[in-house]
Every structure is written in C-alpha cells, then in structure tokens.
Amino acid sequence: MEVKENTQKNSNLEVAAAMEANRLSQKYGKDSFELEDIMKIFSIGMHNARKLMASIDFPVMEIGSRKIVPSLLLGLWIVSKDRSLKR
C-alpha cells in the first residue's frame, strides 16, 4: 500500500513539474534560462540570483563557461521546494 502511495506522489510531482516547466517556457519563450532570466522569474537581484544558482540543490548545467537552467529541471525544483514548504 505504501509503495502505491509513493508511486502516486512521484507521478503527481512529475506532472506538476512538467506543467510548471511548460508554463515557464511559454511565458519566457525559452526552454532553458540564464542568470538574467532567473532574476526575472524570481524577482530577485543579480547577487541573489548568483547565490541561488551557486547553491548545491539548484539545477544548473555548465556548458563551457555558460550556466543554464533547463526549464524541466527548474520546474521540478520549484515544485519540490513548494511541496517541502507545505509540510
């Protein structure tokens, strides 16, 4: 019974993350985001955006010297953070 509940919760999390990723992609017209986009999405300044992107659990990918955040990973991060705040 517990396995079934965990599977359902994971499925719901995946669906919510995909929906959030789609919303962000459509709103900003991108499938991945850079520092300036993170500033806009979270309404934060450059210093805080850099701190966020440097945090261990934030989903940043480095391509050469460029740092990007894929919309799907950002959606998953947002949904999982939202879920942990509600506990």
N, C-alpha and C. Protein backbone atom coordinates (compact mmCIF):
# COMPACT_ATOMS: atom_id res chain seq x y z
N MET A 1 0.82 -1.20 0.00
CA MET A 1 0.00 0.00 0.00
C MET A 1 0.87 1.26 0.00
N GLU A 2 1.93 1.26 0.82
CA GLU A 2 2.81 2.41 0.91
C GLU A 2 3.55 2.66 -0.41
N VAL A 3 3.94 1.59 -1.10
CA VAL A 3 4.63 1.71 -2.38
C VAL A 3 3.72 2.37 -3.41
N LYS A 4 2.45 1.98 -3.41
CA LYS A 4 1.48 2.56 -4.34
C LYS A 4 1.30 4.05 -4.07
N GLU A 5 1.24 4.45 -2.80
CA GLU A 5 1.09 5.86 -2.45
C GLU A 5 2.31 6.66 -2.88
N ASN A 6 3.51 6.12 -2.66
CA ASN A 6 4.74 6.81 -3.08
C ASN A 6 4.80 6.96 -4.59
N THR A 7 4.38 5.92 -5.32
CA THR A 7 4.36 5.98 -6.77
C THR A 7 3.40 7.06 -7.25
N GLN A 8 2.25 7.15 -6.60
CA GLN A 8 1.26 8.17 -6.96
C GLN A 8 1.80 9.57 -6.67
N LYS A 9 2.45 9.75 -5.52
CA LYS A 9 3.02 11.05 -5.16
C LYS A 9 4.09 11.47 -6.16
N ASN A 10 4.96 10.51 -6.55
CA ASN A 10 6.01 10.81 -7.53
C ASN A 10 5.41 11.18 -8.87
N SER A 11 4.36 10.47 -9.26
CA SER A 11 3.68 10.76 -10.52
C SER A 11 3.07 12.16 -10.50
N ASN A 12 2.43 12.50 -9.39
CA ASN A 12 1.85 13.84 -9.25
C ASN A 12 2.93 14.92 -9.30
N LEU A 13 4.07 14.65 -8.67
CA LEU A 13 5.18 15.59 -8.67
C LEU A 13 5.72 15.79 -10.09
N GLU A 14 5.84 14.70 -10.83
CA GLU A 14 6.32 14.78 -12.21
C GLU A 14 5.37 15.57 -13.09
N VAL A 15 4.08 15.34 -12.92
CA VAL A 15 3.08 16.07 -13.72
C VAL A 15 3.12 17.56 -13.37
N ALA A 16 3.18 17.87 -12.08
CA ALA A 16 3.23 19.27 -11.65
C ALA A 16 4.50 19.95 -12.18
N ALA A 17 5.63 19.24 -12.14
CA ALA A 17 6.89 19.79 -12.64
C ALA A 17 6.81 20.05 -14.14
N ALA A 18 6.23 19.13 -14.88
CA ALA A 18 6.09 19.29 -16.33
C ALA A 18 5.18 20.48 -16.65
N MET A 19 4.13 20.64 -15.88
CA MET A 19 3.21 21.77 -16.09
C MET A 19 3.91 23.10 -15.78
N GLU A 20 4.69 23.13 -14.71
CA GLU A 20 5.42 24.35 -14.35
C GLU A 20 6.48 24.66 -15.41
N ALA A 21 7.18 23.65 -15.88
CA ALA A 21 8.18 23.84 -16.93
C ALA A 21 7.54 24.39 -18.20
N ASN A 22 6.40 23.86 -18.55
CA ASN A 22 5.68 24.32 -19.74
C ASN A 22 5.23 25.78 -19.56
N ARG A 23 4.73 26.10 -18.38
CA ARG A 23 4.29 27.47 -18.10
C ARG A 23 5.46 28.45 -18.23
N LEU A 24 6.59 28.09 -17.64
CA LEU A 24 7.78 28.96 -17.71
C LEU A 24 8.28 29.09 -19.14
N SER A 25 8.32 27.98 -19.87
CA SER A 25 8.79 28.01 -21.26
C SER A 25 7.91 28.91 -22.12
N GLN A 26 6.60 28.80 -21.93
CA GLN A 26 5.69 29.62 -22.72
C GLN A 26 5.77 31.09 -22.32
N LYS A 27 5.86 31.36 -21.02
CA LYS A 27 5.89 32.74 -20.55
C LYS A 27 7.15 33.47 -21.01
N TYR A 28 8.29 32.78 -20.96
CA TYR A 28 9.56 33.42 -21.29
C TYR A 28 10.08 33.07 -22.68
N GLY A 29 9.39 32.17 -23.38
CA GLY A 29 9.78 31.82 -24.74
C GLY A 29 11.10 31.09 -24.84
N LYS A 30 11.46 30.33 -23.79
CA LYS A 30 12.73 29.62 -23.75
C LYS A 30 12.56 28.25 -23.11
N ASP A 31 13.47 27.35 -23.46
CA ASP A 31 13.48 26.03 -22.82
C ASP A 31 14.59 25.91 -21.78
N SER A 32 15.44 26.92 -21.72
CA SER A 32 16.47 26.98 -20.67
C SER A 32 16.68 28.44 -20.32
N PHE A 33 17.17 28.64 -19.11
CA PHE A 33 17.27 30.00 -18.59
C PHE A 33 18.68 30.32 -18.13
N GLU A 34 19.03 31.60 -18.24
CA GLU A 34 20.33 32.09 -17.80
C GLU A 34 20.11 33.00 -16.60
N LEU A 35 21.19 33.58 -16.09
CA LEU A 35 21.15 34.41 -14.89
C LEU A 35 20.07 35.49 -14.97
N GLU A 36 20.03 36.22 -16.08
CA GLU A 36 19.07 37.31 -16.22
C GLU A 36 17.62 36.80 -16.15
N ASP A 37 17.40 35.61 -16.71
CA ASP A 37 16.06 35.02 -16.67
C ASP A 37 15.68 34.63 -15.25
N ILE A 38 16.62 34.06 -14.52
CA ILE A 38 16.36 33.67 -13.12
C ILE A 38 16.02 34.91 -12.30
N MET A 39 16.69 36.02 -12.59
CA MET A 39 16.38 37.28 -11.91
C MET A 39 14.93 37.68 -12.15
N LYS A 40 14.47 37.56 -13.39
CA LYS A 40 13.09 37.92 -13.74
C LYS A 40 12.09 36.94 -13.13
N ILE A 41 12.37 35.65 -13.26
CA ILE A 41 11.43 34.63 -12.79
C ILE A 41 11.15 34.77 -11.30
N PHE A 42 12.21 35.00 -10.52
CA PHE A 42 12.06 35.05 -9.07
C PHE A 42 12.01 36.48 -8.51
N SER A 43 12.08 37.48 -9.39
CA SER A 43 12.07 38.89 -8.97
C SER A 43 13.14 39.15 -7.91
N ILE A 44 14.36 38.77 -8.25
CA ILE A 44 15.49 38.97 -7.34
C ILE A 44 16.61 39.69 -8.09
N GLY A 45 17.52 40.25 -7.34
CA GLY A 45 18.65 40.94 -7.94
C GLY A 45 19.73 39.98 -8.39
N MET A 46 20.74 40.55 -9.03
CA MET A 46 21.82 39.74 -9.58
C MET A 46 22.58 38.98 -8.48
N HIS A 47 22.85 39.63 -7.37
CA HIS A 47 23.58 38.98 -6.28
C HIS A 47 22.84 37.74 -5.79
N ASN A 48 21.54 37.89 -5.53
CA ASN A 48 20.76 36.75 -5.04
C ASN A 48 20.58 35.67 -6.11
N ALA A 49 20.47 36.08 -7.36
CA ALA A 49 20.36 35.10 -8.45
C ALA A 49 21.65 34.28 -8.55
N ARG A 50 22.78 34.95 -8.40
CA ARG A 50 24.06 34.22 -8.44
C ARG A 50 24.18 33.26 -7.26
N LYS A 51 23.76 33.72 -6.07
CA LYS A 51 23.79 32.84 -4.90
C LYS A 51 22.89 31.63 -5.10
N LEU A 52 21.71 31.86 -5.65
CA LEU A 52 20.77 30.76 -5.91
C LEU A 52 21.37 29.77 -6.89
N MET A 53 21.92 30.28 -7.98
CA MET A 53 22.49 29.40 -9.00
C MET A 53 23.74 28.67 -8.50
N ALA A 54 24.38 29.19 -7.45
CA ALA A 54 25.55 28.53 -6.88
C ALA A 54 25.18 27.52 -5.79
N SER A 55 23.91 27.53 -5.37
CA SER A 55 23.51 26.61 -4.30
C SER A 55 23.53 25.16 -4.80
N ILE A 56 23.80 24.27 -3.89
CA ILE A 56 24.01 22.86 -4.23
C ILE A 56 22.80 22.21 -4.89
N ASP A 57 21.61 22.51 -4.41
CA ASP A 57 20.43 21.81 -4.92
C ASP A 57 19.75 22.49 -6.11
N PHE A 58 20.28 23.62 -6.57
CA PHE A 58 19.68 24.31 -7.71
C PHE A 58 20.18 23.67 -9.00
N PRO A 59 19.29 23.39 -9.95
CA PRO A 59 19.63 22.59 -11.14
C PRO A 59 20.34 23.35 -12.27
N VAL A 60 21.58 23.70 -12.05
CA VAL A 60 22.36 24.43 -13.05
C VAL A 60 23.21 23.46 -13.85
N MET A 61 23.26 23.68 -15.15
CA MET A 61 24.15 22.92 -16.03
C MET A 61 25.20 23.89 -16.56
N GLU A 62 26.44 23.46 -16.57
CA GLU A 62 27.50 24.30 -17.11
C GLU A 62 27.90 23.77 -18.48
N ILE A 63 27.86 24.66 -19.46
CA ILE A 63 28.30 24.34 -20.81
C ILE A 63 29.42 25.32 -21.12
N GLY A 64 30.63 24.84 -20.98
CA GLY A 64 31.79 25.74 -21.06
C GLY A 64 31.75 26.68 -19.88
N SER A 65 31.78 27.96 -20.16
CA SER A 65 31.71 28.95 -19.08
C SER A 65 30.27 29.44 -18.87
N ARG A 66 29.36 28.94 -19.67
CA ARG A 66 27.96 29.35 -19.62
C ARG A 66 27.17 28.48 -18.65
N LYS A 67 26.33 29.10 -17.83
CA LYS A 67 25.48 28.37 -16.89
C LYS A 67 24.04 28.52 -17.34
N ILE A 68 23.37 27.39 -17.50
CA ILE A 68 21.96 27.42 -17.89
C ILE A 68 21.15 26.54 -16.94
N VAL A 69 19.85 26.81 -16.90
CA VAL A 69 18.92 26.04 -16.09
C VAL A 69 17.81 25.55 -17.02
N PRO A 70 17.76 24.24 -17.33
CA PRO A 70 16.69 23.73 -18.18
C PRO A 70 15.32 23.91 -17.53
N SER A 71 14.33 24.26 -18.33
CA SER A 71 13.01 24.55 -17.78
C SER A 71 12.41 23.36 -17.02
N LEU A 72 12.62 22.15 -17.52
CA LEU A 72 12.05 20.99 -16.82
C LEU A 72 12.68 20.81 -15.44
N LEU A 73 13.99 20.97 -15.36
CA LEU A 73 14.66 20.84 -14.05
C LEU A 73 14.27 21.98 -13.12
N LEU A 74 14.10 23.19 -13.67
CA LEU A 74 13.65 24.31 -12.85
C LEU A 74 12.23 24.06 -12.35
N GLY A 75 11.37 23.55 -13.22
CA GLY A 75 10.00 23.23 -12.81
C GLY A 75 9.98 22.20 -11.69
N LEU A 76 10.81 21.18 -11.81
CA LEU A 76 10.90 20.15 -10.77
C LEU A 76 11.41 20.75 -9.46
N TRP A 77 12.42 21.60 -9.56
CA TRP A 77 12.97 22.25 -8.37
C TRP A 77 11.92 23.11 -7.68
N ILE A 78 11.18 23.89 -8.45
CA ILE A 78 10.15 24.77 -7.89
C ILE A 78 9.06 23.95 -7.21
N VAL A 79 8.59 22.93 -7.88
CA VAL A 79 7.51 22.10 -7.33
C VAL A 79 7.98 21.37 -6.07
N SER A 80 9.20 20.86 -6.08
CA SER A 80 9.68 20.13 -4.91
C SER A 80 9.90 21.08 -3.73
N LYS A 81 10.36 22.30 -3.99
CA LYS A 81 10.53 23.30 -2.92
C LYS A 81 9.17 23.70 -2.37
N ASP A 82 8.21 23.91 -3.25
CA ASP A 82 6.86 24.28 -2.83
C ASP A 82 6.27 23.18 -1.95
N ARG A 83 6.50 21.96 -2.34
CA ARG A 83 5.98 20.80 -1.60
C ARG A 83 6.64 20.70 -0.23
N SER A 84 7.93 20.94 -0.13
CA SER A 84 8.63 20.83 1.15
C SER A 84 8.23 21.97 2.09
N LEU A 85 7.86 23.13 1.55
CA LEU A 85 7.42 24.24 2.39
C LEU A 85 6.05 23.98 3.01
N LYS A 86 5.25 23.15 2.38
CA LYS A 86 3.89 22.88 2.87
C LYS A 86 3.85 21.83 3.96
N ARG A 87 4.97 21.20 4.22
CA ARG A 87 4.99 20.15 5.27
C ARG A 87 5.02 20.71 6.63
